[in-house]
C-alpha atoms as a PDB file:
ATOM      1  CA  UNK A   1      92.567  81.568 105.965  1.00  0.00           C
ATOM      2  CA  UNK A   2      90.875  80.374 109.198  1.00  0.00           C
ATOM      3  CA  UNK A   3      89.274  83.084 111.095  1.00  0.00           C
ATOM      4  CA  UNK A   4      89.624  83.545 114.883  1.00  0.00           C
ATOM      5  CA  UNK A   5      85.916  83.187 115.467  1.00  0.00           C
ATOM      6  CA  UNK A   6      86.101  79.666 113.722  1.00  0.00           C
ATOM      7  CA  UNK A   7      89.126  78.628 115.594  1.00  0.00           C
ATOM      8  CA  UNK A   8      87.628  79.577 118.905  1.00  0.00           C
ATOM      9  CA  UNK A   9      84.440  77.751 118.086  1.00  0.00           C
ATOM     10  CA  UNK A  10      86.346  74.697 117.425  1.00  0.00           C
ATOM     11  CA  UNK A  11      88.328  75.046 120.681  1.00  0.00           C
ATOM     12  CA  UNK A  12      84.917  75.216 122.424  1.00  0.00           C
ATOM     13  CA  UNK A  13      83.890  71.933 120.790  1.00  0.00           C
ATOM     14  CA  UNK A  14      87.178  70.299 121.980  1.00  0.00           C
ATOM     15  CA  UNK A  15      86.711  71.618 125.480  1.00  0.00           C
ATOM     16  CA  UNK A  16      83.035  70.339 125.595  1.00  0.00           C
ATOM     17  CA  UNK A  17      84.255  66.651 125.181  1.00  0.00           C
ATOM     18  CA  UNK A  18      87.429  66.944 127.474  1.00  0.00           C
ATOM     19  CA  UNK A  19      87.645  65.586 131.072  1.00  0.00           C
ATOM     20  CA  UNK A  20      86.733  68.012 133.985  1.00  0.00           C
ATOM     21  CA  UNK A  21      89.685  69.781 135.490  1.00  0.00           C
ATOM     22  CA  UNK A  22      91.412  70.577 132.104  1.00  0.00           C
ATOM     23  CA  UNK A  23      90.264  74.182 131.996  1.00  0.00           C
ATOM     24  CA  UNK A  24      93.805  75.605 132.545  1.00  0.00           C
ATOM     25  CA  UNK A  25      95.113  73.921 129.408  1.00  0.00           C
ATOM     26  CA  UNK A  26      92.336  75.509 127.315  1.00  0.00           C
ATOM     27  CA  UNK A  27      92.837  78.842 128.920  1.00  0.00           C
ATOM     28  CA  UNK A  28      96.453  78.836 127.761  1.00  0.00           C
ATOM     29  CA  UNK A  29      95.638  77.705 124.309  1.00  0.00           C
ATOM     30  CA  UNK A  30      92.675  80.312 124.060  1.00  0.00           C
ATOM     31  CA  UNK A  31      95.204  83.089 125.135  1.00  0.00           C
ATOM     32  CA  UNK A  32      97.643  81.952 122.607  1.00  0.00           C
ATOM     33  CA  UNK A  33      94.989  82.290 119.778  1.00  0.00           C
ATOM     34  CA  UNK A  34      93.867  85.531 121.018  1.00  0.00           C
ATOM     35  CA  UNK A  35      97.372  86.944 121.035  1.00  0.00           C
ATOM     36  CA  UNK A  36      98.051  85.559 117.665  1.00  0.00           C
ATOM     37  CA  UNK A  37      95.341  87.603 115.986  1.00  0.00           C
ATOM     38  CA  UNK A  38      96.380  90.880 117.665  1.00  0.00           C
ATOM     39  CA  UNK A  39      97.403  92.903 114.603  1.00  0.00           C
ATOM     40  CA  UNK A  40      99.754  95.696 115.929  1.00  0.00           C
ATOM     41  CA  UNK A  41     101.811  98.254 114.225  1.00  0.00           C
ATOM     42  CA  UNK A  42     104.668  95.829 113.117  1.00  0.00           C
ATOM     43  CA  UNK A  43     102.499  93.601 111.128  1.00  0.00           C
ATOM     44  CA  UNK A  44     100.596  96.634 109.736  1.00  0.00           C
ATOM     45  CA  UNK A  45     103.837  98.178 108.533  1.00  0.00           C
ATOM     46  CA  UNK A  46     105.147  94.890 106.938  1.00  0.00           C
ATOM     47  CA  UNK A  47     101.819  94.233 105.229  1.00  0.00           C
ATOM     48  CA  UNK A  48     101.646  97.850 103.908  1.00  0.00           C
ATOM     49  CA  UNK A  49     105.207  97.652 102.459  1.00  0.00           C
ATOM     50  CA  UNK A  50     104.646  94.077 101.122  1.00  0.00           C
ATOM     51  CA  UNK A  51     101.405  95.170  99.327  1.00  0.00           C
ATOM     52  CA  UNK A  52     103.328  97.872  97.541  1.00  0.00           C
ATOM     53  CA  UNK A  53     106.071  95.468  96.343  1.00  0.00           C
ATOM     54  CA  UNK A  54     103.519  92.747  95.359  1.00  0.00           C
ATOM     55  CA  UNK A  55     101.547  95.294  93.402  1.00  0.00           C
ATOM     56  CA  UNK A  56     104.615  96.605  91.580  1.00  0.00           C
ATOM     57  CA  UNK A  57     105.690  92.930  90.850  1.00  0.00           C
ATOM     58  CA  UNK A  58     102.360  92.153  89.152  1.00  0.00           C
ATOM     59  CA  UNK A  59     102.084  95.450  87.435  1.00  0.00           C
ATOM     60  CA  UNK A  60     105.545  95.347  85.967  1.00  0.00           C
ATOM     61  CA  UNK A  61     105.253  91.712  84.891  1.00  0.00           C
ATOM     62  CA  UNK A  62     102.062  92.449  83.016  1.00  0.00           C
ATOM     63  CA  UNK A  63     103.211  95.654  81.354  1.00  0.00           C
ATOM     64  CA  UNK A  64     104.623  95.370  77.877  1.00  0.00           C
ATOM     65  CA  UNK A  65     106.548  97.970  75.912  1.00  0.00           C
ATOM     66  CA  UNK A  66     107.396  98.486  72.217  1.00  0.00           C
ATOM     67  CA  UNK A  67     110.929  97.367  72.842  1.00  0.00           C
ATOM     68  CA  UNK A  68     110.221  94.680  75.393  1.00  0.00           C
ATOM     69  CA  UNK A  69     113.477  93.024  74.407  1.00  0.00           C
ATOM     70  CA  UNK A  70     115.203  95.717  76.546  1.00  0.00           C
ATOM     71  CA  UNK A  71     113.346  94.886  79.637  1.00  0.00           C
ATOM     72  CA  UNK A  72     115.190  92.504  82.074  1.00  0.00           C
ATOM     73  CA  UNK A  73     113.603  89.171  82.922  1.00  0.00           C
ATOM     74  CA  UNK A  74     111.801  88.702  86.158  1.00  0.00           C
ATOM     75  CA  UNK A  75     112.539  85.853  88.544  1.00  0.00           C
ATOM     76  CA  UNK A  76     110.701  82.754  87.422  1.00  0.00           C
ATOM     77  CA  UNK A  77     111.552  80.463  90.240  1.00  0.00           C
ATOM     78  CA  UNK A  78     112.260  80.568  93.996  1.00  0.00           C
ATOM     79  CA  UNK A  79     108.926  82.216  94.686  1.00  0.00           C
ATOM     80  CA  UNK A  80     108.425  82.551  98.481  1.00  0.00           C
ATOM     81  CA  UNK A  81     105.652  81.134 100.540  1.00  0.00           C
ATOM     82  CA  UNK A  82     102.464  83.295 100.176  1.00  0.00           C
ATOM     83  CA  UNK A  83     103.420  84.715  96.744  1.00  0.00           C
ATOM     84  CA  UNK A  84     100.129  83.557  95.185  1.00  0.00           C
ATOM     85  CA  UNK A  85      98.004  83.728  98.426  1.00  0.00           C
ATOM     86  CA  UNK A  86      99.494  85.459 101.529  1.00  0.00           C
ATOM     87  CA  UNK A  87      96.928  83.862 103.763  1.00  0.00           C
ATOM     88  CA  UNK A  88      98.748  80.481 103.709  1.00  0.00           C
ATOM     89  CA  UNK A  89     101.316  82.160 105.939  1.00  0.00           C
ATOM     90  CA  UNK A  90      98.921  82.659 108.724  1.00  0.00           C
ATOM     91  CA  UNK A  91      98.278  78.962 109.611  1.00  0.00           C
ATOM     92  CA  UNK A  92      99.213  79.257 113.353  1.00  0.00           C
ATOM     93  CA  UNK A  93     102.262  76.999 112.749  1.00  0.00           C
ATOM     94  CA  UNK A  94      99.839  74.263 111.324  1.00  0.00           C
ATOM     95  CA  UNK A  95      97.832  74.127 114.429  1.00  0.00           C
ATOM     96  CA  UNK A  96      94.662  75.368 112.934  1.00  0.00           C
ATOM     97  CA  UNK A  97      94.138  72.517 110.588  1.00  0.00           C
ATOM     98  CA  UNK A  98      95.190  69.994 113.152  1.00  0.00           C
ATOM     99  CA  UNK A  99      92.526  71.375 115.555  1.00  0.00           C
ATOM    100  CA  UNK A 100      89.894  71.218 112.799  1.00  0.00           C
ATOM    101  CA  UNK A 101      90.867  67.655 111.836  1.00  0.00           C
ATOM    102  CA  UNK A 102      90.877  66.266 115.297  1.00  0.00           C
ATOM    103  CA  UNK A 103      88.460  63.570 115.955  1.00  0.00           C
ATOM    104  CA  UNK A 104      86.092  64.555 118.814  1.00  0.00           C
ATOM    105  CA  UNK A 105      85.456  60.983 119.808  1.00  0.00           C
ATOM    106  CA  UNK A 106      89.210  60.172 120.374  1.00  0.00           C
ATOM    107  CA  UNK A 107      90.442  63.680 121.597  1.00  0.00           C
ATOM    108  CA  UNK A 108      89.640  62.930 125.261  1.00  0.00           C
ATOM    109  CA  UNK A 109      92.109  59.990 125.257  1.00  0.00           C
ATOM    110  CA  UNK A 110      94.971  62.367 124.488  1.00  0.00           C
ATOM    111  CA  UNK A 111      94.807  63.702 128.140  1.00  0.00           C
ATOM    112  CA  UNK A 112      96.865  62.132 130.721  1.00  0.00           C
ATOM    113  CA  UNK A 113      97.160  62.664 134.481  1.00  0.00           C
ATOM    114  CA  UNK A 114     100.524  63.226 136.239  1.00  0.00           C
ATOM    115  CA  UNK A 115     101.467  63.093 139.867  1.00  0.00           C
ATOM    116  CA  UNK A 116     103.634  65.867 140.944  1.00  0.00           C
ATOM    117  CA  UNK A 117     107.020  64.865 142.247  1.00  0.00           C
ATOM    118  CA  UNK A 118     107.083  64.105 146.026  1.00  0.00           C
ATOM    119  CA  UNK A 119     108.298  66.946 148.229  1.00  0.00           C
ATOM    120  CA  UNK A 120     108.555  67.453 152.002  1.00  0.00           C
ATOM    121  CA  UNK A 121     106.606  65.432 154.333  1.00  0.00           C
ATOM    122  CA  UNK A 122     103.329  65.827 152.530  1.00  0.00           C
ATOM    123  CA  UNK A 123     104.418  63.506 149.680  1.00  0.00           C
ATOM    124  CA  UNK A 124     102.976  63.865 146.161  1.00  0.00           C
ATOM    125  CA  UNK A 125     100.234  66.343 145.322  1.00  0.00           C
ATOM    126  CA  UNK A 126      97.025  65.994 143.505  1.00  0.00           C
ATOM    127  CA  UNK A 127      97.073  64.602 139.931  1.00  0.00           C
ATOM    128  CA  UNK A 128      97.526  67.327 137.148  1.00  0.00           C
ATOM    129  CA  UNK A 129      95.918  67.006 133.798  1.00  0.00           C
ATOM    130  CA  UNK A 130      98.400  67.209 130.837  1.00  0.00           C
ATOM    131  CA  UNK A 131      97.793  67.140 127.091  1.00  0.00           C
ATOM    132  CA  UNK A 132     100.947  67.037 124.926  1.00  0.00           C
ATOM    133  CA  UNK A 133      99.004  67.797 121.857  1.00  0.00           C
ATOM    134  CA  UNK A 134      97.389  70.952 123.259  1.00  0.00           C
ATOM    135  CA  UNK A 135     100.799  72.064 124.665  1.00  0.00           C
ATOM    136  CA  UNK A 136     102.387  71.686 121.255  1.00  0.00           C
ATOM    137  CA  UNK A 137      99.567  73.656 119.613  1.00  0.00           C
ATOM    138  CA  UNK A 138     100.102  76.495 122.255  1.00  0.00           C
ATOM    139  CA  UNK A 139     103.815  76.604 121.717  1.00  0.00           C
ATOM    140  CA  UNK A 140     103.554  76.488 117.880  1.00  0.00           C
ATOM    141  CA  UNK A 141     100.863  79.125 117.724  1.00  0.00           C
ATOM    142  CA  UNK A 142     102.834  81.502 120.007  1.00  0.00           C
ATOM    143  CA  UNK A 143     106.087  80.975 117.950  1.00  0.00           C
ATOM    144  CA  UNK A 144     104.397  81.303 114.555  1.00  0.00           C
ATOM    145  CA  UNK A 145     103.244  84.853 114.811  1.00  0.00           C
ATOM    146  CA  UNK A 146     106.780  86.196 114.514  1.00  0.00           C
ATOM    147  CA  UNK A 147     107.401  83.653 111.802  1.00  0.00           C
ATOM    148  CA  UNK A 148     104.483  84.820 109.927  1.00  0.00           C
ATOM    149  CA  UNK A 149     105.677  88.511 110.207  1.00  0.00           C
ATOM    150  CA  UNK A 150     109.052  87.435 108.892  1.00  0.00           C
ATOM    151  CA  UNK A 151     107.516  85.481 105.984  1.00  0.00           C
ATOM    152  CA  UNK A 152     105.445  88.605 104.876  1.00  0.00           C
ATOM    153  CA  UNK A 153     108.612  90.518 104.839  1.00  0.00           C
ATOM    154  CA  UNK A 154     110.503  87.911 102.795  1.00  0.00           C
ATOM    155  CA  UNK A 155     107.594  88.024 100.344  1.00  0.00           C
ATOM    156  CA  UNK A 156     107.912  91.802 100.026  1.00  0.00           C
ATOM    157  CA  UNK A 157     111.667  91.558  99.586  1.00  0.00           C
ATOM    158  CA  UNK A 158     111.469  89.171  96.884  1.00  0.00           C
ATOM    159  CA  UNK A 159     108.943  91.200  94.944  1.00  0.00           C
ATOM    160  CA  UNK A 160     110.903  94.398  95.594  1.00  0.00           C
ATOM    161  CA  UNK A 161     114.309  92.873  94.517  1.00  0.00           C
ATOM    162  CA  UNK A 162     112.585  91.391  91.361  1.00  0.00           C
ATOM    163  CA  UNK A 163     111.472  94.732  90.149  1.00  0.00           C
ATOM    164  CA  UNK A 164     114.638  96.676  90.727  1.00  0.00           C
ATOM    165  CA  UNK A 165     116.232  96.003  87.293  1.00  0.00           C
ATOM    166  CA  UNK A 166     112.873  96.794  85.768  1.00  0.00           C
ATOM    167  CA  UNK A 167     112.828 100.286  87.291  1.00  0.00           C
ATOM    168  CA  UNK A 168     116.369 100.890  86.263  1.00  0.00           C
ATOM    169  CA  UNK A 169     115.394  99.934  82.676  1.00  0.00           C
ATOM    170  CA  UNK A 170     112.604 102.352  82.558  1.00  0.00           C
ATOM    171  CA  UNK A 171     114.872 105.204  83.553  1.00  0.00           C
ATOM    172  CA  UNK A 172     117.882 104.398  81.170  1.00  0.00           C
ATOM    173  CA  UNK A 173     116.343 102.396  78.208  1.00  0.00           C
ATOM    174  CA  UNK A 174     114.311 103.679  75.321  1.00  0.00           C
ATOM    175  CA  UNK A 175     111.562 101.283  75.835  1.00  0.00           C
ATOM    176  CA  UNK A 176     108.985 103.115  73.700  1.00  0.00           C
ATOM    177  CA  UNK A 177     105.287 103.346  74.488  1.00  0.00           C
ATOM    178  CA  UNK A 178     103.481 100.911  76.745  1.00  0.00           C
ATOM    179  CA  UNK A 179     101.406  98.446  74.493  1.00  0.00           C
ATOM    180  CA  UNK A 180      99.854  96.465  77.233  1.00  0.00           C
ATOM    181  CA  UNK A 181      99.336  96.968  81.056  1.00  0.00           C
ATOM    182  CA  UNK A 182      96.816  95.904  83.719  1.00  0.00           C
ATOM    183  CA  UNK A 183      94.310  98.225  85.087  1.00  0.00           C
ATOM    184  CA  UNK A 184      93.901  99.273  88.644  1.00  0.00           C
ATOM    185  CA  UNK A 185      91.050  96.844  89.531  1.00  0.00           C
ATOM    186  CA  UNK A 186      92.881  93.961  87.996  1.00  0.00           C
ATOM    187  CA  UNK A 187      95.836  94.724  90.053  1.00  0.00           C
ATOM    188  CA  UNK A 188      93.662  95.201  93.152  1.00  0.00           C
ATOM    189  CA  UNK A 189      92.137  91.792  92.584  1.00  0.00           C
ATOM    190  CA  UNK A 190      95.388  90.118  92.353  1.00  0.00           C
ATOM    191  CA  UNK A 191      96.765  91.753  95.508  1.00  0.00           C
ATOM    192  CA  UNK A 192      93.793  92.113  97.853  1.00  0.00           C
ATOM    193  CA  UNK A 193      91.377  89.305  96.726  1.00  0.00           C
ATOM    194  CA  UNK A 194      93.198  86.388  95.128  1.00  0.00           C
ATOM    195  CA  UNK A 195      96.420  87.521  96.794  1.00  0.00           C
ATOM    196  CA  UNK A 196      94.624  87.324 100.230  1.00  0.00           C
ATOM    197  CA  UNK A 197      95.722  90.722 101.696  1.00  0.00           C
ATOM    198  CA  UNK A 198      92.219  91.989 102.205  1.00  0.00           C
ATOM    199  CA  UNK A 199      91.413  88.792 104.255  1.00  0.00           C
ATOM    200  CA  UNK A 200      94.594  89.412 106.354  1.00  0.00           C
ATOM    201  CA  UNK A 201      93.828  93.127 106.889  1.00  0.00           C
ATOM    202  CA  UNK A 202      90.254  92.412 107.809  1.00  0.00           C
ATOM    203  CA  UNK A 203      91.098  89.569 110.318  1.00  0.00           C
ATOM    204  CA  UNK A 204      93.886  91.129 112.113  1.00  0.00           C
ATOM    205  CA  UNK A 205      92.323  94.678 111.972  1.00  0.00           C
ATOM    206  CA  UNK A 206      95.441  96.186 110.351  1.00  0.00           C
ATOM    207  CA  UNK A 207      95.870  99.898 109.717  1.00  0.00           C
ATOM    208  CA  UNK A 208      96.364  99.306 105.887  1.00  0.00           C
ATOM    209  CA  UNK A 209      94.492 100.851 103.003  1.00  0.00           C
ATOM    210  CA  UNK A 210      91.896  98.766 101.136  1.00  0.00           C
ATOM    211  CA  UNK A 211      90.655 100.314  97.865  1.00  0.00           C
ATOM    212  CA  UNK A 212      87.275 101.903  98.291  1.00  0.00           C
ATOM    213  CA  UNK A 213      85.767  99.537  95.580  1.00  0.00           C
ATOM    214  CA  UNK A 214      86.768  96.460  97.464  1.00  0.00           C
ATOM    215  CA  UNK A 215      85.364  97.519 100.919  1.00  0.00           C
END
């Protein structure tokens, strides 16, 4: 996952090669980036709940019983975005990679000057700098924060729903003893490290528990 500091550093590089008078465009884009990386209670709660569901999904899939034939099967397709690595959800609507891949030599040519429409006796105003690419980045980044929160929820819902029949089976079926199951650290690695949740928690400053041995 791209860090805010990395993205802002790239933005500074883009600004350094841009025409004079384009500062307002960069201010708008910088504000969108800053706002995107504000965690907040809504994202914290969704991540917290989703971590629980993802952990149970992993734990349940890895646990085997003496009478495993009585355990309902888990979904094997239709995995939502972020199932293996939640950080892919937080891509700024694709803007981060586009910013990183933009050629500094050709970027200045993406700016255009527009003359405001004539009005009154004074005629047209001073030329105004526009950049459709930057305006598109700003709009996508702004919209993608809500989409990311929704995607985290969808991931949690998928994992939670997948484990429901498993939980019912544990209550009502004679499954016998557990013959195989993951340990805590294996589960923590799947969720927080390879699953990306620690990176999200750290980058967004979320109020979500990280196991003491992973801090």
